[in-house]
Amino acid sequence: MQQETLRALKRTESGSRPARRLRREGQIPAVVYGAGIDTQEIAIERRSLLSVLHTKAGLNALINVEVEGGDEVLAVAREVQRDPVRGDITHLDFIKVSLDIAIDAEVGLEFSGTPRGVKEEGGFVETIENSVMISALPTAIPTSIEVDISELGIGDSLKVADLPELDGVTYVTELDRPLVTVLLPSVVEEEVPEDLLEGEEGEEAEEGEAAAEGEDESDEG
């Protein structure tokens, strides 16, 4: 996997006010930590960060974080916080990694093919999960996992256990967890307007009263 490089400035102030000022200046507050290094508060230039995270590797990109006046740290981005309205990154962590130690990573799924249950039986695909957690060496993490779902019929599900075996990759997500299934569309019962229902209830009531009156008259006779 290709390694990217990000230059980072050391942060001398912490707290929400300095963080907001950094974001106004086009910087993203972050921290870098891991085995053998002290936790450091840093700031990353926003455009450079987005350029790195928008590669095919996404959050699993291997990043050489060059801290101002310090050492270069090979890391991956984790714990990304975003603005709840705009979706902009407001803070993230960089975790130091070693090329010979496996790490957990979330990898996206790419479903290919049209299921048999859709083509032949009029069903539809319900996607339950778009990604899975795996464990692998940093250099063996796939950018995505492609899965052929063309053989799925009505009622069939594809589970984690059905995913392809990949060299050096262990699936962390439960093997029996369903990822995608093929279902028949539900039959929607036509709703009867309330005014018609009220009319029918009124007619039934009138019929009931008429029948009761008829019974009374027969009793008197």
C-alpha atoms as a PDB file:
ATOM      1  CA  MET A   1       0.000   0.000   0.000  1.00  0.00           C
ATOM      2  CA  GLN A   2       1.302   3.437  -0.903  1.00  0.00           C
ATOM      3  CA  GLN A   3       2.338   5.677   1.971  1.00  0.00           C
ATOM      4  CA  GLU A   4       1.237   9.302   2.183  1.00  0.00           C
ATOM      5  CA  THR A   5       2.927  12.178   4.018  1.00  0.00           C
ATOM      6  CA  LEU A   6       1.377  14.913   6.146  1.00  0.00           C
ATOM      7  CA  ARG A   7       3.228  17.738   7.830  1.00  0.00           C
ATOM      8  CA  ALA A   8       1.948  18.659  11.274  1.00  0.00           C
ATOM      9  CA  LEU A   9       2.385  21.656  13.544  1.00  0.00           C
ATOM     10  CA  LYS A  10       2.690  21.235  17.300  1.00  0.00           C
ATOM     11  CA  ARG A  11      -0.199  22.692  19.259  1.00  0.00           C
ATOM     12  CA  THR A  12       0.744  24.751  22.276  1.00  0.00           C
ATOM     13  CA  GLU A  13      -2.835  25.429  23.393  1.00  0.00           C
ATOM     14  CA  SER A  14      -5.699  23.032  24.041  1.00  0.00           C
ATOM     15  CA  GLY A  15      -9.419  23.538  24.536  1.00  0.00           C
ATOM     16  CA  SER A  16     -12.396  24.420  22.394  1.00  0.00           C
ATOM     17  CA  ARG A  17     -11.544  28.087  21.777  1.00  0.00           C
ATOM     18  CA  PRO A  18      -8.026  27.484  20.342  1.00  0.00           C
ATOM     19  CA  ALA A  19      -9.454  24.540  18.344  1.00  0.00           C
ATOM     20  CA  ARG A  20     -12.096  26.787  16.751  1.00  0.00           C
ATOM     21  CA  ARG A  21      -9.423  29.330  15.884  1.00  0.00           C
ATOM     22  CA  LEU A  22      -7.334  26.646  14.199  1.00  0.00           C
ATOM     23  CA  ARG A  23     -10.305  25.495  12.123  1.00  0.00           C
ATOM     24  CA  ARG A  24     -10.982  29.071  10.992  1.00  0.00           C
ATOM     25  CA  GLU A  25      -7.357  29.190   9.834  1.00  0.00           C
ATOM     26  CA  GLY A  26      -7.774  26.022   7.755  1.00  0.00           C
ATOM     27  CA  GLN A  27      -6.158  23.642  10.260  1.00  0.00           C
ATOM     28  CA  ILE A  28      -7.637  20.499  11.856  1.00  0.00           C
ATOM     29  CA  PRO A  29      -6.781  19.750  15.518  1.00  0.00           C
ATOM     30  CA  ALA A  30      -5.485  16.228  16.043  1.00  0.00           C
ATOM     31  CA  VAL A  31      -3.414  14.032  18.332  1.00  0.00           C
ATOM     32  CA  VAL A  32      -0.792  11.416  17.495  1.00  0.00           C
ATOM     33  CA  TYR A  33      -0.008   8.588  19.909  1.00  0.00           C
ATOM     34  CA  GLY A  34       1.064   4.965  20.108  1.00  0.00           C
ATOM     35  CA  ALA A  35       3.613   2.533  21.488  1.00  0.00           C
ATOM     36  CA  GLY A  36       7.012   4.079  22.181  1.00  0.00           C
ATOM     37  CA  ILE A  37       6.032   7.738  21.661  1.00  0.00           C
ATOM     38  CA  ASP A  38       4.553  10.459  23.807  1.00  0.00           C
ATOM     39  CA  THR A  39       1.079  11.682  22.921  1.00  0.00           C
ATOM     40  CA  GLN A  40       1.367  14.916  20.965  1.00  0.00           C
ATOM     41  CA  GLU A  41      -1.290  17.501  20.160  1.00  0.00           C
ATOM     42  CA  ILE A  42      -0.895  18.623  16.573  1.00  0.00           C
ATOM     43  CA  ALA A  43      -2.647  20.513  13.779  1.00  0.00           C
ATOM     44  CA  ILE A  44      -2.952  19.349  10.157  1.00  0.00           C
ATOM     45  CA  GLU A  45      -3.647  21.534   7.132  1.00  0.00           C
ATOM     46  CA  ARG A  46      -7.244  20.756   6.089  1.00  0.00           C
ATOM     47  CA  ARG A  47      -6.739  20.487   2.327  1.00  0.00           C
ATOM     48  CA  SER A  48      -3.733  18.191   2.691  1.00  0.00           C
ATOM     49  CA  LEU A  49      -5.645  15.961   5.114  1.00  0.00           C
ATOM     50  CA  LEU A  50      -8.672  15.663   2.830  1.00  0.00           C
ATOM     51  CA  SER A  51      -6.408  14.872  -0.122  1.00  0.00           C
ATOM     52  CA  VAL A  52      -4.883  11.939   1.794  1.00  0.00           C
ATOM     53  CA  LEU A  53      -8.174  10.613   3.182  1.00  0.00           C
ATOM     54  CA  HIS A  54      -9.857  10.750  -0.232  1.00  0.00           C
ATOM     55  CA  THR A  55      -7.503   8.182  -1.754  1.00  0.00           C
ATOM     56  CA  LYS A  56      -8.813   4.637  -2.343  1.00  0.00           C
ATOM     57  CA  ALA A  57      -7.394   3.574   1.026  1.00  0.00           C
ATOM     58  CA  GLY A  58      -9.508   6.166   2.877  1.00  0.00           C
ATOM     59  CA  LEU A  59      -9.042   6.000   6.649  1.00  0.00           C
ATOM     60  CA  ASN A  60      -6.778   2.972   6.202  1.00  0.00           C
ATOM     61  CA  ALA A  61      -4.156   4.996   4.334  1.00  0.00           C
ATOM     62  CA  LEU A  62      -0.646   4.685   5.751  1.00  0.00           C
ATOM     63  CA  ILE A  63       0.427   8.200   6.673  1.00  0.00           C
ATOM     64  CA  ASN A  64       3.871   9.461   7.584  1.00  0.00           C
ATOM     65  CA  VAL A  65       3.074  12.248  10.041  1.00  0.00           C
ATOM     66  CA  GLU A  66       6.005  14.672  10.100  1.00  0.00           C
ATOM     67  CA  VAL A  67       5.654  16.557  13.357  1.00  0.00           C
ATOM     68  CA  GLU A  68       7.313  19.968  13.443  1.00  0.00           C
ATOM     69  CA  GLY A  69      10.633  19.657  15.248  1.00  0.00           C
ATOM     70  CA  GLY A  70      10.037  15.997  15.984  1.00  0.00           C
ATOM     71  CA  ASP A  71      10.277  12.556  14.468  1.00  0.00           C
ATOM     72  CA  GLU A  72       8.282  11.109  11.589  1.00  0.00           C
ATOM     73  CA  VAL A  73       5.549   8.713  12.747  1.00  0.00           C
ATOM     74  CA  LEU A  74       3.931   6.073  10.533  1.00  0.00           C
ATOM     75  CA  ALA A  75       0.247   6.126  11.472  1.00  0.00           C
ATOM     76  CA  VAL A  76      -3.356   5.582  10.428  1.00  0.00           C
ATOM     77  CA  ALA A  77      -6.241   7.978  11.038  1.00  0.00           C
ATOM     78  CA  ARG A  78      -8.860   6.921  13.569  1.00  0.00           C
ATOM     79  CA  GLU A  79     -11.621   8.396  15.776  1.00  0.00           C
ATOM     80  CA  VAL A  80     -12.631  10.996  13.200  1.00  0.00           C
ATOM     81  CA  GLN A  81     -15.046  13.568  14.637  1.00  0.00           C
ATOM     82  CA  ARG A  82     -17.304  15.569  12.298  1.00  0.00           C
ATOM     83  CA  ASP A  83     -19.561  18.581  12.530  1.00  0.00           C
ATOM     84  CA  PRO A  84     -23.113  17.171  12.967  1.00  0.00           C
ATOM     85  CA  VAL A  85     -24.571  19.628  10.440  1.00  0.00           C
ATOM     86  CA  ARG A  86     -21.929  20.244   7.770  1.00  0.00           C
ATOM     87  CA  GLY A  87     -20.069  16.950   8.103  1.00  0.00           C
ATOM     88  CA  ASP A  88     -16.672  18.672   8.174  1.00  0.00           C
ATOM     89  CA  ILE A  89     -13.858  16.954  10.087  1.00  0.00           C
ATOM     90  CA  THR A  90     -13.351  18.744  13.402  1.00  0.00           C
ATOM     91  CA  HIS A  91     -10.805  16.462  15.105  1.00  0.00           C
ATOM     92  CA  LEU A  92      -9.073  13.100  14.610  1.00  0.00           C
ATOM     93  CA  ASP A  93      -6.473  10.776  16.080  1.00  0.00           C
ATOM     94  CA  PHE A  94      -3.371   9.397  14.398  1.00  0.00           C
ATOM     95  CA  ILE A  95      -2.346   6.030  15.823  1.00  0.00           C
ATOM     96  CA  LYS A  96       1.208   4.835  15.338  1.00  0.00           C
ATOM     97  CA  VAL A  97       1.491   1.503  13.522  1.00  0.00           C
ATOM     98  CA  SER A  98       4.245  -0.989  12.759  1.00  0.00           C
ATOM     99  CA  LEU A  99       4.473  -2.719   9.404  1.00  0.00           C
ATOM    100  CA  ASP A 100       4.933  -6.110  11.089  1.00  0.00           C
ATOM    101  CA  ILE A 101       1.998  -5.904  13.543  1.00  0.00           C
ATOM    102  CA  ALA A 102      -1.613  -6.514  12.486  1.00  0.00           C
ATOM    103  CA  ILE A 103      -4.235  -3.857  13.172  1.00  0.00           C
ATOM    104  CA  ASP A 104      -8.042  -3.763  12.998  1.00  0.00           C
ATOM    105  CA  ALA A 105      -9.572  -1.846  10.107  1.00  0.00           C
ATOM    106  CA  GLU A 106     -13.006  -1.223   8.629  1.00  0.00           C
ATOM    107  CA  VAL A 107     -13.193  -2.104   4.929  1.00  0.00           C
ATOM    108  CA  GLY A 108     -16.024  -1.302   2.542  1.00  0.00           C
ATOM    109  CA  LEU A 109     -17.930  -3.946   0.555  1.00  0.00           C
ATOM    110  CA  GLU A 110     -18.654  -3.709  -3.170  1.00  0.00           C
ATOM    111  CA  PHE A 111     -21.562  -5.917  -4.226  1.00  0.00           C
ATOM    112  CA  SER A 112     -21.540  -6.941  -7.895  1.00  0.00           C
ATOM    113  CA  GLY A 113     -24.042  -8.772 -10.102  1.00  0.00           C
ATOM    114  CA  THR A 114     -27.849  -8.847 -10.110  1.00  0.00           C
ATOM    115  CA  PRO A 115     -29.274 -11.520  -7.788  1.00  0.00           C
ATOM    116  CA  ARG A 116     -31.260 -14.368  -9.377  1.00  0.00           C
ATOM    117  CA  GLY A 117     -34.136 -13.567  -7.035  1.00  0.00           C
ATOM    118  CA  VAL A 118     -34.338 -10.076  -8.502  1.00  0.00           C
ATOM    119  CA  LYS A 119     -34.156 -11.069 -12.178  1.00  0.00           C
ATOM    120  CA  GLU A 120     -36.374 -14.153 -12.050  1.00  0.00           C
ATOM    121  CA  GLU A 121     -38.722 -13.588  -9.117  1.00  0.00           C
ATOM    122  CA  GLY A 122     -39.140  -9.823  -8.850  1.00  0.00           C
ATOM    123  CA  GLY A 123     -37.412  -9.471  -5.503  1.00  0.00           C
ATOM    124  CA  PHE A 124     -35.252  -6.637  -4.253  1.00  0.00           C
ATOM    125  CA  VAL A 125     -31.890  -6.353  -2.516  1.00  0.00           C
ATOM    126  CA  GLU A 126     -31.732  -5.188   1.097  1.00  0.00           C
ATOM    127  CA  THR A 127     -28.240  -4.147   2.165  1.00  0.00           C
ATOM    128  CA  ILE A 128     -27.692  -4.680   5.880  1.00  0.00           C
ATOM    129  CA  GLU A 129     -23.996  -3.815   6.150  1.00  0.00           C
ATOM    130  CA  ASN A 130     -21.754  -1.857   3.761  1.00  0.00           C
ATOM    131  CA  SER A 131     -18.490  -2.739   5.507  1.00  0.00           C
ATOM    132  CA  VAL A 132     -16.799  -5.276   7.776  1.00  0.00           C
ATOM    133  CA  MET A 133     -14.039  -5.191  10.350  1.00  0.00           C
ATOM    134  CA  ILE A 134     -10.864  -7.088   9.540  1.00  0.00           C
ATOM    135  CA  SER A 135      -7.446  -7.655  11.033  1.00  0.00           C
ATOM    136  CA  ALA A 136      -4.330  -7.518   8.849  1.00  0.00           C
ATOM    137  CA  LEU A 137      -0.864  -6.058   8.559  1.00  0.00           C
ATOM    138  CA  PRO A 138      -1.074  -2.379   7.563  1.00  0.00           C
ATOM    139  CA  THR A 139       0.287  -3.175   4.107  1.00  0.00           C
ATOM    140  CA  ALA A 140      -2.224  -6.025   3.549  1.00  0.00           C
ATOM    141  CA  ILE A 141      -5.419  -4.071   4.246  1.00  0.00           C
ATOM    142  CA  PRO A 142      -7.554  -4.138   1.062  1.00  0.00           C
ATOM    143  CA  THR A 143      -9.062  -0.891  -0.208  1.00  0.00           C
ATOM    144  CA  SER A 144     -12.395  -2.737  -0.586  1.00  0.00           C
ATOM    145  CA  ILE A 145     -13.823  -6.264  -0.818  1.00  0.00           C
ATOM    146  CA  GLU A 146     -15.782  -7.207  -3.943  1.00  0.00           C
ATOM    147  CA  VAL A 147     -18.550  -9.789  -3.554  1.00  0.00           C
ATOM    148  CA  ASP A 148     -20.627 -11.426  -6.307  1.00  0.00           C
ATOM    149  CA  ILE A 149     -24.274 -11.698  -5.215  1.00  0.00           C
ATOM    150  CA  SER A 150     -25.727 -12.870  -8.551  1.00  0.00           C
ATOM    151  CA  GLU A 151     -26.623 -16.363  -7.212  1.00  0.00           C
ATOM    152  CA  LEU A 152     -28.793 -15.152  -4.342  1.00  0.00           C
ATOM    153  CA  GLY A 153     -32.450 -16.181  -4.587  1.00  0.00           C
ATOM    154  CA  ILE A 154     -35.501 -15.024  -2.655  1.00  0.00           C
ATOM    155  CA  GLY A 155     -34.835 -15.404   1.062  1.00  0.00           C
ATOM    156  CA  ASP A 156     -31.085 -15.954   0.585  1.00  0.00           C
ATOM    157  CA  SER A 157     -28.571 -13.947   2.600  1.00  0.00           C
ATOM    158  CA  LEU A 158     -24.868 -13.387   2.199  1.00  0.00           C
ATOM    159  CA  LYS A 159     -22.983 -13.532   5.497  1.00  0.00           C
ATOM    160  CA  VAL A 160     -19.474 -12.634   6.606  1.00  0.00           C
ATOM    161  CA  ALA A 161     -18.581 -16.341   6.406  1.00  0.00           C
ATOM    162  CA  ASP A 162     -19.383 -16.204   2.667  1.00  0.00           C
ATOM    163  CA  LEU A 163     -16.841 -13.453   1.938  1.00  0.00           C
ATOM    164  CA  PRO A 164     -13.774 -14.429  -0.114  1.00  0.00           C
ATOM    165  CA  GLU A 165     -10.615 -15.556   1.639  1.00  0.00           C
ATOM    166  CA  LEU A 166      -7.897 -12.916   1.342  1.00  0.00           C
ATOM    167  CA  ASP A 167      -4.203 -13.504   2.010  1.00  0.00           C
ATOM    168  CA  GLY A 168      -3.202 -12.159   5.399  1.00  0.00           C
ATOM    169  CA  VAL A 169      -6.733 -10.987   6.242  1.00  0.00           C
ATOM    170  CA  THR A 170      -8.850 -12.229   9.174  1.00  0.00           C
ATOM    171  CA  TYR A 171     -12.487 -11.204   9.475  1.00  0.00           C
ATOM    172  CA  VAL A 172     -13.224  -9.705  12.880  1.00  0.00           C
ATOM    173  CA  THR A 173     -16.965  -9.155  12.367  1.00  0.00           C
ATOM    174  CA  GLU A 174     -19.040 -12.166  13.499  1.00  0.00           C
ATOM    175  CA  LEU A 175     -19.038 -14.795  10.746  1.00  0.00           C
ATOM    176  CA  ASP A 176     -22.801 -15.375  10.952  1.00  0.00           C
ATOM    177  CA  ARG A 177     -23.651 -11.688  10.582  1.00  0.00           C
ATOM    178  CA  PRO A 178     -25.802 -11.085   7.443  1.00  0.00           C
ATOM    179  CA  LEU A 179     -24.578  -8.439   5.013  1.00  0.00           C
ATOM    180  CA  VAL A 180     -27.166  -8.481   2.230  1.00  0.00           C
ATOM    181  CA  THR A 181     -30.414 -10.367   1.586  1.00  0.00           C
ATOM    182  CA  VAL A 182     -32.966 -10.716  -1.213  1.00  0.00           C
ATOM    183  CA  LEU A 183     -36.638 -10.258  -0.342  1.00  0.00           C
ATOM    184  CA  LEU A 184     -40.023 -10.160  -2.031  1.00  0.00           C
ATOM    185  CA  PRO A 185     -41.819  -6.801  -1.964  1.00  0.00           C
ATOM    186  CA  SER A 186     -44.460  -6.602   0.757  1.00  0.00           C
ATOM    187  CA  VAL A 187     -48.109  -6.611  -0.357  1.00  0.00           C
ATOM    188  CA  VAL A 188     -49.632  -3.304   0.690  1.00  0.00           C
ATOM    189  CA  GLU A 189     -53.315  -3.552   1.588  1.00  0.00           C
ATOM    190  CA  GLU A 190     -55.397  -0.758   0.086  1.00  0.00           C
ATOM    191  CA  GLU A 191     -56.669   1.546   2.797  1.00  0.00           C
ATOM    192  CA  VAL A 192     -60.403   2.240   2.888  1.00  0.00           C
ATOM    193  CA  PRO A 193     -61.205   5.955   3.373  1.00  0.00           C
ATOM    194  CA  GLU A 194     -62.529   6.761   6.831  1.00  0.00           C
ATOM    195  CA  ASP A 195     -65.726   8.358   5.467  1.00  0.00           C
ATOM    196  CA  LEU A 196     -66.614   5.100   3.706  1.00  0.00           C
ATOM    197  CA  LEU A 197     -65.904   3.106   6.837  1.00  0.00           C
ATOM    198  CA  GLU A 198     -68.160   5.442   8.836  1.00  0.00           C
ATOM    199  CA  GLY A 199     -70.885   5.025   6.191  1.00  0.00           C
ATOM    200  CA  GLU A 200     -70.652   1.256   6.361  1.00  0.00           C
ATOM    201  CA  GLU A 201     -70.790   1.311  10.154  1.00  0.00           C
ATOM    202  CA  GLY A 202     -73.875   3.544   9.992  1.00  0.00           C
ATOM    203  CA  GLU A 203     -75.620   1.214   7.572  1.00  0.00           C
ATOM    204  CA  GLU A 204     -74.835  -1.799   9.748  1.00  0.00           C
ATOM    205  CA  ALA A 205     -76.217   0.011  12.769  1.00  0.00           C
ATOM    206  CA  GLU A 206     -79.434   0.909  10.940  1.00  0.00           C
ATOM    207  CA  GLU A 207     -79.841  -2.673   9.753  1.00  0.00           C
ATOM    208  CA  GLY A 208     -79.334  -3.894  13.301  1.00  0.00           C
ATOM    209  CA  GLU A 209     -81.966  -1.502  14.649  1.00  0.00           C
ATOM    210  CA  ALA A 210     -84.452  -2.524  11.929  1.00  0.00           C
ATOM    211  CA  ALA A 211     -83.928  -6.179  12.736  1.00  0.00           C
ATOM    212  CA  ALA A 212     -84.449  -5.511  16.438  1.00  0.00           C
ATOM    213  CA  GLU A 213     -87.675  -3.638  15.753  1.00  0.00           C
ATOM    214  CA  GLY A 214     -88.889  -6.530  13.602  1.00  0.00           C
ATOM    215  CA  GLU A 215     -88.247  -8.959  16.433  1.00  0.00           C
ATOM    216  CA  ASP A 216     -90.148  -6.741  18.876  1.00  0.00           C
ATOM    217  CA  GLU A 217     -93.193  -6.581  16.587  1.00  0.00           C
ATOM    218  CA  SER A 218     -93.228 -10.358  16.143  1.00  0.00           C
ATOM    219  CA  ASP A 219     -93.092 -10.826  19.891  1.00  0.00           C
ATOM    220  CA  GLU A 220     -96.077  -8.497  20.397  1.00  0.00           C
ATOM    221  CA  GLY A 221     -98.056 -10.426  17.758  1.00  0.00           C
END
